[in-house]
N, C-alpha and C. Protein backbone atom coordinates (compact mmCIF):
# COMPACT_ATOMS: atom_id res chain seq x y z
N MET A 1 110.32 155.41 78.76
CA MET A 1 109.76 154.26 77.78
C MET A 1 108.11 154.44 77.61
N ILE A 2 107.71 154.31 76.56
CA ILE A 2 106.08 154.44 76.61
C ILE A 2 105.57 153.11 76.51
N GLU A 3 104.63 152.90 77.37
CA GLU A 3 103.97 151.50 77.41
C GLU A 3 103.33 151.20 76.21
N GLY A 4 103.41 149.99 75.66
CA GLY A 4 102.45 149.77 74.41
C GLY A 4 103.12 150.28 73.12
N LYS A 5 104.27 150.89 73.15
CA LYS A 5 105.01 151.48 71.99
C LYS A 5 104.91 150.39 70.78
N ALA A 6 105.42 149.28 71.09
CA ALA A 6 105.36 148.10 70.17
C ALA A 6 103.98 147.71 69.66
N THR A 7 103.08 148.10 70.27
CA THR A 7 101.69 147.64 69.68
C THR A 7 101.08 148.57 68.44
N GLY A 8 101.77 149.72 68.11
CA GLY A 8 101.29 150.50 67.02
C GLY A 8 100.26 151.53 67.36
N ILE A 9 99.83 151.36 68.52
CA ILE A 9 98.85 152.29 69.13
C ILE A 9 99.56 153.77 69.44
N LYS A 10 99.04 154.79 68.90
CA LYS A 10 99.30 156.04 69.14
C LYS A 10 98.80 156.91 70.09
N VAL A 11 99.50 157.51 71.16
CA VAL A 11 98.63 158.27 72.11
C VAL A 11 99.33 159.65 72.11
N ASN A 12 98.49 160.65 71.88
CA ASN A 12 98.85 162.08 71.98
C ASN A 12 97.72 162.76 72.94
N THR A 13 98.07 164.03 73.24
CA THR A 13 97.19 164.74 74.15
C THR A 13 96.80 165.96 73.43
N VAL A 14 95.47 166.50 73.17
CA VAL A 14 95.36 167.61 72.61
C VAL A 14 94.65 168.64 73.67
N SER A 15 95.24 169.70 73.77
CA SER A 15 94.70 170.79 74.65
C SER A 15 93.86 171.69 73.68
N PRO A 16 92.48 171.63 73.67
CA PRO A 16 91.84 172.35 72.71
C PRO A 16 91.71 173.92 73.04
N GLY A 17 91.91 174.20 74.32
CA GLY A 17 91.83 175.81 74.70
C GLY A 17 90.48 176.08 74.57
N PRO A 18 90.28 177.54 74.76
CA PRO A 18 88.97 178.10 74.60
C PRO A 18 88.39 177.75 73.38
N THR A 19 87.07 177.12 73.26
CA THR A 19 86.52 176.76 71.95
C THR A 19 85.07 177.06 72.10
N ARG A 20 84.49 177.58 71.00
CA ARG A 20 83.05 178.08 70.89
C ARG A 20 82.03 176.90 70.84
N THR A 21 81.74 176.56 72.22
CA THR A 21 80.67 175.44 72.42
C THR A 21 79.64 175.95 73.28
N GLU A 22 78.60 175.29 73.51
CA GLU A 22 77.61 175.67 74.51
C GLU A 22 78.10 175.52 75.83
N MET A 23 78.82 174.49 76.20
CA MET A 23 79.26 174.39 77.52
C MET A 23 80.17 175.60 77.84
N ARG A 24 81.03 175.89 76.90
CA ARG A 24 81.74 177.19 77.22
C ARG A 24 81.13 178.43 77.33
N ALA A 25 79.92 178.47 76.65
CA ALA A 25 79.17 179.72 76.81
C ALA A 25 78.37 179.82 78.13
N ARG A 26 78.04 178.56 78.63
CA ARG A 26 77.42 178.55 79.84
C ARG A 26 78.51 178.81 81.04
N ALA A 27 79.65 178.34 80.82
CA ALA A 27 80.82 178.54 81.77
C ALA A 27 81.19 179.99 81.86
N VAL A 28 81.35 180.76 80.81
CA VAL A 28 81.90 181.88 80.51
C VAL A 28 80.91 182.92 79.81
N PRO A 29 79.76 183.14 80.46
CA PRO A 29 78.69 183.98 79.69
C PRO A 29 79.14 185.30 79.29
N GLN A 30 80.01 185.91 79.91
CA GLN A 30 80.36 187.30 79.51
C GLN A 30 81.47 187.35 78.21
N GLU A 31 81.92 186.16 77.90
CA GLU A 31 82.89 186.06 76.79
C GLU A 31 82.13 186.17 75.45
N ASP A 32 82.74 186.85 74.45
CA ASP A 32 82.08 187.10 73.09
C ASP A 32 82.56 185.63 72.39
N PRO A 33 81.63 184.75 72.05
CA PRO A 33 81.89 183.60 71.51
C PRO A 33 82.51 183.70 70.02
N MET A 34 82.21 184.94 69.46
CA MET A 34 82.84 185.09 68.00
C MET A 34 84.33 185.31 68.00
N THR A 35 84.98 185.42 69.34
CA THR A 35 86.45 185.62 69.23
C THR A 35 87.06 184.19 69.60
N LEU A 36 86.28 183.18 69.55
CA LEU A 36 86.81 181.90 69.87
C LEU A 36 86.74 180.90 68.49
N LYS A 37 87.76 180.14 68.61
CA LYS A 37 87.80 178.97 67.39
C LYS A 37 86.52 178.10 67.69
N THR A 38 86.13 177.50 66.54
CA THR A 38 84.93 176.61 66.54
C THR A 38 85.52 175.18 66.64
N PRO A 39 84.75 174.27 67.05
CA PRO A 39 85.09 172.84 66.95
C PRO A 39 85.63 172.38 65.49
N GLN A 40 84.94 172.92 64.47
CA GLN A 40 85.20 172.74 63.16
C GLN A 40 86.57 173.24 62.77
N ASP A 41 87.04 174.38 63.46
CA ASP A 41 88.44 174.84 63.22
C ASP A 41 89.55 173.85 63.61
N ILE A 42 89.23 173.05 64.73
CA ILE A 42 90.18 172.16 65.11
C ILE A 42 89.99 170.63 64.76
N ALA A 43 88.91 170.21 64.15
CA ALA A 43 88.58 169.07 63.84
C ALA A 43 89.70 168.54 62.96
N PRO A 44 90.42 169.30 61.96
CA PRO A 44 91.31 168.62 61.02
C PRO A 44 92.48 168.09 61.89
N LEU A 45 92.59 168.77 63.10
CA LEU A 45 93.96 168.35 63.94
C LEU A 45 93.72 166.86 64.35
N PHE A 46 92.43 166.43 64.70
CA PHE A 46 92.14 165.12 65.13
C PHE A 46 92.29 164.25 64.10
N VAL A 47 91.68 164.66 62.86
CA VAL A 47 91.70 163.75 61.58
C VAL A 47 93.17 163.51 61.44
N GLU A 48 94.06 164.45 61.35
CA GLU A 48 95.69 164.33 61.12
C GLU A 48 96.20 163.30 61.91
N LEU A 49 95.70 163.37 63.44
CA LEU A 49 96.26 162.51 64.47
C LEU A 49 95.90 161.10 64.20
N ALA A 50 94.61 160.85 63.63
CA ALA A 50 94.10 159.56 63.36
C ALA A 50 94.59 158.95 62.12
N MET A 51 95.27 159.64 61.26
CA MET A 51 95.85 158.98 60.02
C MET A 51 96.95 157.95 60.41
N ALA A 52 97.05 156.95 59.53
CA ALA A 52 98.10 156.08 59.68
C ALA A 52 99.46 156.67 59.63
N SER A 53 99.33 157.72 58.55
CA SER A 53 100.82 158.29 58.28
C SER A 53 101.17 159.28 59.24
N CYS A 54 100.40 159.60 60.36
CA CYS A 54 100.91 160.53 61.42
C CYS A 54 102.04 159.83 62.25
N GLN A 55 103.12 160.58 62.39
CA GLN A 55 104.28 160.13 63.13
C GLN A 55 104.30 160.53 64.56
N LYS A 56 103.34 161.41 64.91
CA LYS A 56 103.31 161.93 66.25
C LYS A 56 103.06 160.87 67.27
N GLN A 57 103.73 160.88 68.35
CA GLN A 57 103.59 159.82 69.41
C GLN A 57 104.01 160.44 70.71
N GLY A 58 103.16 160.42 71.70
CA GLY A 58 103.33 160.98 73.00
C GLY A 58 103.55 162.39 73.10
N GLU A 59 102.85 163.14 72.37
CA GLU A 59 103.04 164.49 72.28
C GLU A 59 101.91 165.23 72.98
N TRP A 60 102.10 166.45 73.55
CA TRP A 60 101.05 167.43 73.98
C TRP A 60 100.97 168.43 72.97
N ILE A 61 99.76 168.64 72.37
CA ILE A 61 99.61 169.42 71.25
C ILE A 61 98.55 170.49 71.59
N SER A 62 98.91 171.61 71.65
CA SER A 62 98.08 172.88 71.78
C SER A 62 97.23 173.26 70.51
N ALA A 63 96.04 172.94 70.58
CA ALA A 63 95.09 173.44 69.46
C ALA A 63 95.29 174.83 69.00
N ASP A 64 95.54 175.78 70.01
CA ASP A 64 95.73 177.25 69.54
C ASP A 64 97.06 177.27 68.85
N ASP A 65 98.12 176.74 69.24
CA ASP A 65 99.33 176.69 68.47
C ASP A 65 99.27 176.11 66.96
N TRP A 66 98.49 175.11 67.06
CA TRP A 66 98.26 174.14 65.73
C TRP A 66 97.41 175.19 64.67
N THR A 67 96.47 175.72 65.32
CA THR A 67 95.54 176.66 64.26
C THR A 67 96.60 177.77 63.89
N LYS A 68 97.36 178.39 64.72
CA LYS A 68 98.28 179.27 64.08
C LYS A 68 99.28 178.93 63.01
N THR A 69 99.68 177.78 63.22
CA THR A 69 100.53 177.12 62.13
C THR A 69 99.75 176.83 60.87
N GLN A 70 98.51 176.40 61.16
CA GLN A 70 97.66 176.15 59.86
C GLN A 70 97.40 177.53 59.09
N SER A 71 97.12 178.62 59.85
CA SER A 71 96.81 179.77 59.16
C SER A 71 98.08 180.35 58.53
N LYS A 72 99.29 180.07 58.81
CA LYS A 72 100.43 180.51 58.14
C LYS A 72 100.97 179.62 57.02
N ASN A 73 100.41 178.34 57.08
CA ASN A 73 100.71 177.38 56.17
C ASN A 73 99.55 176.52 55.85
N PRO A 74 98.55 176.87 55.07
CA PRO A 74 97.24 176.14 54.93
C PRO A 74 97.38 174.73 54.46
N SER A 75 98.59 174.60 53.54
CA SER A 75 98.67 173.14 53.07
C SER A 75 99.32 172.26 53.87
N ALA A 76 99.79 172.81 55.06
CA ALA A 76 100.44 171.86 55.93
C ALA A 76 99.37 170.82 56.72
């Protein structure tokens, strides 16, 4: 049972994975940042999760998997 389920509050977890940020560049300086997704690439995932129409609840979402799905089906 998920606490607060009756409140209408939805809780999901997003694992962003390696993302092109200043913090990542400082932590892994030898990594080519151009091989990483940008925060802008995954921002639509957070917008999708914030929409009232979103039915996801209690899920762990990999941003890497989500971006692969989006590239295969851009209208999803």
